[in-house]
C-alpha atoms as a PDB file:
ATOM      1  CA  MET A   1      79.401  29.187  87.981  1.00  0.00           C
ATOM      2  CA  THR A   2      80.746  28.550  91.520  1.00  0.00           C
ATOM      3  CA  ALA A   3      84.247  29.811  92.414  1.00  0.00           C
ATOM      4  CA  LEU A   4      87.220  26.899  92.987  1.00  0.00           C
ATOM      5  CA  TYR A   5      89.730  29.210  94.367  1.00  0.00           C
ATOM      6  CA  CYS A   6      89.699  32.388  96.667  1.00  0.00           C
ATOM      7  CA  VAL A   7      90.175  35.615  94.442  1.00  0.00           C
ATOM      8  CA  HIS A   8      92.396  36.993  97.057  1.00  0.00           C
ATOM      9  CA  CYS A   9      94.878  34.447  97.781  1.00  0.00           C
ATOM     10  CA  GLY A  10      94.404  32.053  94.811  1.00  0.00           C
ATOM     11  CA  LYS A  11      94.370  29.194  97.144  1.00  0.00           C
ATOM     12  CA  GLY A  12      91.505  26.418  97.141  1.00  0.00           C
ATOM     13  CA  ILE A  13      88.026  27.303  98.880  1.00  0.00           C
ATOM     14  CA  SER A  14      88.265  23.985 101.160  1.00  0.00           C
ATOM     15  CA  ASP A  15      91.780  23.492 101.185  1.00  0.00           C
ATOM     16  CA  ALA A  16      92.790  26.615 103.031  1.00  0.00           C
ATOM     17  CA  ASP A  17      91.793  29.053 106.096  1.00  0.00           C
ATOM     18  CA  HIS A  18      90.385  32.226 104.520  1.00  0.00           C
ATOM     19  CA  THR A  19      89.825  34.369 107.267  1.00  0.00           C
ATOM     20  CA  ARG A  20      92.088  36.671 106.239  1.00  0.00           C
ATOM     21  CA  CYS A  21      90.500  36.989 102.858  1.00  0.00           C
ATOM     22  CA  ALA A  22      87.266  37.427 104.203  1.00  0.00           C
ATOM     23  CA  THR A  23      87.337  40.798 105.893  1.00  0.00           C
ATOM     24  CA  PRO A  24      84.873  43.605 105.228  1.00  0.00           C
ATOM     25  CA  ARG A  25      87.831  45.542 103.431  1.00  0.00           C
ATOM     26  CA  SER A  26      88.594  42.769 101.064  1.00  0.00           C
ATOM     27  CA  THR A  27      85.268  43.046  99.777  1.00  0.00           C
ATOM     28  CA  LEU A  28      86.402  46.096  98.388  1.00  0.00           C
ATOM     29  CA  GLU A  29      89.635  44.949  96.811  1.00  0.00           C
ATOM     30  CA  PRO A  30      89.493  43.621  93.030  1.00  0.00           C
ATOM     31  CA  PRO A  31      89.955  39.743  92.398  1.00  0.00           C
ATOM     32  CA  ARG A  32      93.781  39.005  91.992  1.00  0.00           C
ATOM     33  CA  TYR A  33      93.311  35.572  91.299  1.00  0.00           C
ATOM     34  CA  CYS A  34      90.545  33.875  88.949  1.00  0.00           C
ATOM     35  CA  GLY A  35      88.244  31.813  90.521  1.00  0.00           C
ATOM     36  CA  GLN A  36      87.810  29.050  88.149  1.00  0.00           C
ATOM     37  CA  CYS A  37      91.406  28.373  87.628  1.00  0.00           C
ATOM     38  CA  ALA A  38      93.783  30.208  90.714  1.00  0.00           C
ATOM     39  CA  ARG A  39      95.462  31.995  87.419  1.00  0.00           C
ATOM     40  CA  ARG A  40      96.961  35.283  88.379  1.00  0.00           C
ATOM     41  CA  MET A  41      94.835  38.114  86.698  1.00  0.00           C
ATOM     42  CA  ILE A  42      95.997  41.372  85.136  1.00  0.00           C
ATOM     43  CA  VAL A  43      93.773  44.162  87.375  1.00  0.00           C
ATOM     44  CA  GLN A  44      93.554  47.575  86.373  1.00  0.00           C
ATOM     45  CA  VAL A  45      92.326  50.003  88.776  1.00  0.00           C
ATOM     46  CA  THR A  46      90.718  53.441  88.028  1.00  0.00           C
ATOM     47  CA  PRO A  47      88.955  56.164  89.845  1.00  0.00           C
ATOM     48  CA  SER A  48      85.354  54.361  88.742  1.00  0.00           C
ATOM     49  CA  GLY A  49      86.048  50.860  89.286  1.00  0.00           C
ATOM     50  CA  TRP A  50      88.204  47.905  88.457  1.00  0.00           C
ATOM     51  CA  THR A  51      88.634  45.627  85.437  1.00  0.00           C
ATOM     52  CA  ALA A  52      89.859  41.907  86.088  1.00  0.00           C
ATOM     53  CA  ARG A  53      91.008  39.744  83.362  1.00  0.00           C
ATOM     54  CA  CYS A  54      92.230  36.176  82.607  1.00  0.00           C
ATOM     55  CA  SER A  55      93.838  34.833  79.931  1.00  0.00           C
ATOM     56  CA  ARG A  56      91.437  31.667  80.144  1.00  0.00           C
ATOM     57  CA  HIS A  57      88.028  33.122  81.775  1.00  0.00           C
ATOM     58  CA  GLY A  58      87.801  36.366  80.430  1.00  0.00           C
ATOM     59  CA  GLU A  59      86.797  39.722  81.887  1.00  0.00           C
ATOM     60  CA  THR A  60      85.348  41.018  85.243  1.00  0.00           C
ATOM     61  CA  THR A  61      84.501  44.146  85.949  1.00  0.00           C
ATOM     62  CA  SER A  62      83.312  45.892  89.357  1.00  0.00           C
ATOM     63  CA  ARG A  63      80.443  46.758  87.953  1.00  0.00           C
ATOM     64  CA  GLU A  64      79.511  42.731  86.900  1.00  0.00           C
ATOM     65  CA  ASP A  65      80.562  41.905  90.616  1.00  0.00           C
ATOM     66  CA  SER A  66      78.168  44.312  92.359  1.00  0.00           C
ATOM     67  CA  ALA A  67      75.408  43.222  89.910  1.00  0.00           C
ATOM     68  CA  THR A  68      75.734  39.311  90.960  1.00  0.00           C
ATOM     69  CA  ALA A  69      76.932  40.124  94.519  1.00  0.00           C
ATOM     70  CA  ARG A  70      77.498  37.023  96.557  1.00  0.00           C
END
């Protein structure tokens, strides 16, 4: 499913300038906002990766994200 919102700032993909969100460093950071509904997610970072959970759309992990890299 295509993301409608930026996972780093929560603003609409087509509504804002995302140059600060698209840095090489940000690709290593976990998402803070759900790409489907822009809700703030609960994020847990561990030495082996991260888990982010949206109350409506479920859980995403760093392992899933790297397997489905964009």
